[in-house]
N, C-alpha and C. Protein backbone atom coordinates (compact mmCIF):
# COMPACT_ATOMS: atom_id res chain seq x y z
N MET A 1 -8.14 -0.09 -3.17
CA MET A 1 -9.04 -1.13 -4.15
C MET A 1 -9.24 -0.69 -5.30
N ALA A 2 -9.43 -1.39 -6.17
CA ALA A 2 -10.06 -0.55 -7.36
C ALA A 2 -11.11 -0.44 -7.78
N LYS A 3 -12.15 0.61 -8.37
CA LYS A 3 -12.85 0.89 -9.04
C LYS A 3 -13.42 -0.19 -9.77
N ASN A 4 -15.04 -0.57 -9.25
CA ASN A 4 -15.26 -1.35 -10.45
C ASN A 4 -16.17 -1.12 -11.19
N SER A 5 -15.88 -1.29 -12.62
CA SER A 5 -15.42 -0.87 -14.14
C SER A 5 -16.98 -1.58 -14.26
N ASN A 6 -18.65 -1.25 -15.31
CA ASN A 6 -19.69 -1.65 -15.47
C ASN A 6 -18.94 -2.18 -17.15
N PRO A 7 -18.71 -3.44 -17.59
CA PRO A 7 -18.01 -3.91 -18.85
C PRO A 7 -19.02 -4.20 -19.80
N GLU A 8 -20.10 -3.32 -19.72
CA GLU A 8 -20.83 -3.26 -20.11
C GLU A 8 -21.31 -1.79 -21.10
N LYS A 9 -21.11 -0.40 -20.67
CA LYS A 9 -20.81 0.26 -20.86
C LYS A 9 -19.15 0.23 -21.72
N ASN A 10 -18.50 -0.07 -20.99
CA ASN A 10 -17.26 0.02 -21.75
C ASN A 10 -17.05 -1.05 -22.85
N GLU A 11 -17.69 -2.27 -23.58
CA GLU A 11 -17.74 -3.13 -24.79
C GLU A 11 -18.85 -1.58 -25.90
N ILE A 12 -19.58 -0.21 -24.96
CA ILE A 12 -21.03 -0.13 -25.92
C ILE A 12 -19.29 1.85 -26.32
N GLU A 13 -18.83 1.53 -25.60
CA GLU A 13 -18.05 3.17 -26.07
C GLU A 13 -16.88 2.67 -26.63
N ASN A 14 -16.97 1.77 -26.86
CA ASN A 14 -15.61 0.15 -27.67
C ASN A 14 -16.12 0.26 -29.21
N GLU A 15 -17.65 0.33 -29.23
CA GLU A 15 -18.30 -0.46 -31.12
C GLU A 15 -18.56 1.40 -31.38
N ASN A 16 -18.04 0.88 -32.86
CA ASN A 16 -18.40 1.36 -33.44
C ASN A 16 -19.50 2.85 -34.25
N LYS A 17 -19.80 2.72 -34.86
CA LYS A 17 -21.14 3.18 -34.61
C LYS A 17 -21.09 3.45 -36.40
N SER A 18 -21.50 2.38 -37.07
CA SER A 18 -22.10 3.27 -38.62
C SER A 18 -23.34 3.95 -39.53
N ASN A 19 -23.45 3.71 -39.71
CA ASN A 19 -24.33 4.28 -41.07
C ASN A 19 -24.84 3.38 -42.25
N LEU A 20 -25.61 3.06 -42.39
CA LEU A 20 -25.75 1.61 -43.26
C LEU A 20 -26.85 2.60 -44.60
N VAL A 21 -25.64 2.14 -45.39
CA VAL A 21 -25.47 2.68 -46.94
C VAL A 21 -26.00 1.80 -47.82
N GLY A 22 -26.16 0.54 -47.62
CA GLY A 22 -27.14 -0.21 -48.99
C GLY A 22 -26.90 -1.66 -48.44
N TYR A 23 -27.44 -2.23 -49.39
CA TYR A 23 -27.08 -4.22 -49.25
C TYR A 23 -26.75 -4.79 -50.31
N VAL A 24 -25.81 -6.12 -49.86
CA VAL A 24 -24.85 -6.74 -50.99
C VAL A 24 -25.85 -8.24 -50.84
N ARG A 25 -26.49 -8.43 -51.83
CA ARG A 25 -27.03 -9.97 -52.78
C ARG A 25 -25.78 -10.83 -53.48
N LYS A 26 -26.59 -11.51 -53.43
CA LYS A 26 -26.40 -13.01 -54.64
C LYS A 26 -27.16 -12.30 -55.73
N SER A 27 -26.49 -12.40 -57.12
CA SER A 27 -28.09 -12.23 -58.46
C SER A 27 -29.27 -13.25 -58.34
N ASN A 28 -29.77 -13.84 -58.67
CA ASN A 28 -30.67 -14.80 -59.15
C ASN A 28 -29.91 -16.02 -59.39
N ALA A 29 -29.20 -15.64 -59.98
CA ALA A 29 -28.27 -16.81 -61.35
C ALA A 29 -27.27 -17.26 -60.83
N GLY A 30 -27.18 -16.47 -59.68
CA GLY A 30 -25.39 -17.16 -58.95
C GLY A 30 -24.00 -16.98 -59.03
N GLY A 31 -24.54 -16.06 -60.19
CA GLY A 31 -23.36 -15.72 -60.63
C GLY A 31 -22.15 -13.93 -60.74
N ALA A 32 -22.95 -13.49 -59.08
CA ALA A 32 -22.86 -11.69 -59.65
C ALA A 32 -22.81 -11.02 -58.12
N ILE A 33 -22.68 -10.63 -58.13
CA ILE A 33 -23.37 -9.99 -56.82
C ILE A 33 -23.73 -8.68 -56.72
N LYS A 34 -25.41 -8.60 -56.27
CA LYS A 34 -25.47 -7.35 -56.68
C LYS A 34 -25.49 -6.49 -55.55
N VAL A 35 -24.77 -4.95 -55.53
CA VAL A 35 -24.86 -4.39 -54.72
C VAL A 35 -25.34 -2.32 -55.21
N SER A 36 -27.24 -2.82 -53.68
CA SER A 36 -27.92 -1.98 -53.89
C SER A 36 -27.27 -0.31 -52.80
N ILE A 37 -27.45 0.84 -53.60
CA ILE A 37 -26.73 1.33 -52.54
C ILE A 37 -28.10 3.11 -52.45
N ASN A 38 -28.41 3.11 -51.59
CA ASN A 38 -29.33 4.29 -51.40
C ASN A 38 -28.51 5.40 -51.63
N SER A 39 -29.32 6.39 -52.08
CA SER A 39 -28.51 7.40 -52.83
C SER A 39 -28.81 9.16 -51.63
N ASP A 40 -29.28 8.84 -51.51
CA ASP A 40 -29.42 9.21 -49.63
C ASP A 40 -28.46 9.36 -48.91
N ALA A 41 -28.18 8.31 -48.45
CA ALA A 41 -27.64 7.62 -47.18
C ALA A 41 -25.37 7.49 -47.94
N PHE A 42 -25.92 7.76 -49.35
CA PHE A 42 -24.49 7.46 -49.23
C PHE A 42 -23.90 9.32 -49.86
N ALA A 43 -25.25 10.06 -49.97
CA ALA A 43 -25.00 11.19 -50.34
C ALA A 43 -24.24 12.02 -48.67
N ASP A 44 -25.04 11.31 -47.90
CA ASP A 44 -24.60 12.16 -46.64
C ASP A 44 -23.42 11.03 -45.94
N CYS A 45 -22.88 10.56 -46.30
CA CYS A 45 -21.01 9.54 -46.15
C CYS A 45 -20.46 10.53 -45.93
N ASP A 46 -19.28 9.96 -45.38
CA ASP A 46 -18.28 10.81 -45.29
C ASP A 46 -17.46 10.59 -46.77
N THR A 47 -16.22 11.43 -46.60
CA THR A 47 -15.04 11.17 -47.85
C THR A 47 -13.70 11.35 -47.66
N TYR A 48 -13.09 10.86 -48.41
CA TYR A 48 -11.72 11.54 -47.92
C TYR A 48 -10.81 11.14 -49.60
N VAL A 49 -9.51 12.21 -49.58
CA VAL A 49 -8.71 12.40 -50.98
C VAL A 49 -7.81 11.60 -50.74
N THR A 50 -7.52 11.28 -52.06
CA THR A 50 -6.20 10.68 -51.68
C THR A 50 -5.24 12.14 -52.50
N SER A 51 -4.21 11.13 -53.27
CA SER A 51 -3.26 12.73 -53.19
C SER A 51 -2.96 12.86 -54.59
N ASP A 52 -3.72 12.24 -54.72
CA ASP A 52 -3.15 12.28 -56.86
C ASP A 52 -4.87 13.65 -56.80
N GLY A 53 -5.69 13.56 -55.78
CA GLY A 53 -7.01 14.25 -55.46
C GLY A 53 -8.32 13.83 -56.47
N GLN A 54 -8.39 12.73 -56.12
CA GLN A 54 -9.28 11.59 -55.75
C GLN A 54 -10.10 11.39 -54.93
N GLU A 55 -11.50 12.07 -54.48
CA GLU A 55 -13.03 11.75 -53.44
C GLU A 55 -13.61 10.54 -53.47
N TYR A 56 -12.57 9.24 -52.13
CA TYR A 56 -14.03 8.13 -52.09
C TYR A 56 -14.41 8.04 -50.75
N VAL A 57 -15.52 6.92 -51.60
CA VAL A 57 -16.16 6.93 -49.81
C VAL A 57 -15.60 5.83 -49.55
N PRO A 58 -15.41 5.80 -47.96
CA PRO A 58 -14.55 4.57 -47.83
C PRO A 58 -16.00 3.89 -46.75
N LEU A 59 -16.20 2.41 -47.70
CA LEU A 59 -17.51 1.93 -47.17
C LEU A 59 -16.89 -0.16 -46.50
N VAL A 60 -17.76 -0.60 -46.14
CA VAL A 60 -17.61 -2.03 -44.78
C VAL A 60 -18.68 -2.99 -45.10
N ILE A 61 -18.11 -4.17 -45.69
CA ILE A 61 -18.78 -5.00 -46.12
C ILE A 61 -18.47 -6.57 -44.68
N SER A 62 -19.23 -6.45 -43.98
CA SER A 62 -18.29 -7.58 -43.04
C SER A 62 -18.22 -9.59 -44.13
N LEU A 63 -17.17 -9.38 -44.21
CA LEU A 63 -16.88 -10.49 -44.53
C LEU A 63 -16.94 -11.78 -44.74
N ASN A 64 -17.33 -11.65 -42.84
CA ASN A 64 -18.12 -12.65 -42.91
C ASN A 64 -19.60 -12.99 -43.12
N ALA A 65 -20.18 -12.14 -42.86
CA ALA A 65 -21.49 -11.93 -43.74
C ALA A 65 -21.59 -12.26 -44.74
N LEU A 66 -20.96 -11.35 -45.57
CA LEU A 66 -20.41 -11.97 -46.79
C LEU A 66 -20.37 -12.98 -47.67
N ASN A 67 -19.51 -14.01 -46.85
CA ASN A 67 -19.31 -14.83 -47.59
C ASN A 67 -20.75 -16.13 -47.07
N LYS A 68 -21.38 -15.30 -46.29
CA LYS A 68 -23.07 -16.01 -45.82
C LYS A 68 -24.08 -16.27 -46.80
N VAL A 69 -23.16 -15.36 -47.03
CA VAL A 69 -24.66 -15.07 -48.77
C VAL A 69 -24.09 -14.67 -49.62
N LEU A 70 -22.79 -15.49 -49.78
CA LEU A 70 -22.28 -16.65 -51.36
C LEU A 70 -22.43 -17.31 -51.29
N SER A 71 -22.05 -18.09 -49.30
CA SER A 71 -22.51 -20.29 -49.51
C SER A 71 -24.12 -20.02 -49.50
N GLY A 72 -25.37 -18.85 -49.14
CA GLY A 72 -27.12 -19.02 -49.49
C GLY A 72 -27.19 -19.80 -48.44
N GLU A 73 -26.23 -19.50 -46.89
CA GLU A 73 -26.83 -18.97 -45.56
C GLU A 73 -27.53 -18.05 -45.21
N ARG A 74 -27.41 -16.66 -45.64
CA ARG A 74 -28.16 -15.87 -45.97
C ARG A 74 -28.05 -14.99 -47.01
N VAL A 75 -29.44 -14.84 -47.35
CA VAL A 75 -30.03 -14.00 -48.36
C VAL A 75 -29.39 -12.44 -48.78
N VAL A 76 -29.60 -11.98 -48.35
CA VAL A 76 -28.33 -10.55 -47.81
C VAL A 76 -27.60 -10.08 -46.55
N THR A 77 -27.22 -9.44 -46.95
CA THR A 77 -26.18 -8.13 -45.68
C THR A 77 -25.67 -6.70 -45.73
N THR A 78 -25.57 -6.58 -45.10
CA THR A 78 -25.40 -4.78 -45.38
C THR A 78 -24.47 -4.77 -45.51
N ILE A 79 -24.29 -2.80 -45.98
CA ILE A 79 -23.22 -2.12 -46.88
C ILE A 79 -22.66 -0.79 -45.55
N SER A 80 -22.22 -0.90 -45.00
CA SER A 80 -21.71 0.36 -43.86
C SER A 80 -20.56 1.39 -43.64
N GLN A 81 -21.47 2.68 -43.62
CA GLN A 81 -20.26 3.80 -43.32
C GLN A 81 -19.89 3.53 -41.66
N ILE A 82 -18.32 3.27 -41.05
CA ILE A 82 -17.82 3.38 -39.62
C ILE A 82 -18.12 4.33 -39.33
N MET A 83 -18.47 5.31 -38.57
CA MET A 83 -18.29 6.56 -38.51
C MET A 83 -17.58 6.43 -37.06
N ASP A 84 -16.27 7.82 -37.48
CA ASP A 84 -15.10 8.14 -36.04
C ASP A 84 -16.81 8.67 -35.11
């Protein structure tokens, strides 16, 4: 007999944890995207180094949420770093 698993627990285990780093919003004039990064959160972010020695901070913005900001359905969305 197969062991019953808790689908809610499996879903939580499969979710990625993220670190909120900042916000994205449309400018008042509507012709630009404004990005606000919290400097303390940014300093705590993990980085990676490319083969040429440059250091980068990988950040994520949901494309679906950004499209909603651009269309006016939402005022703001988040910028995060996915934590492993």
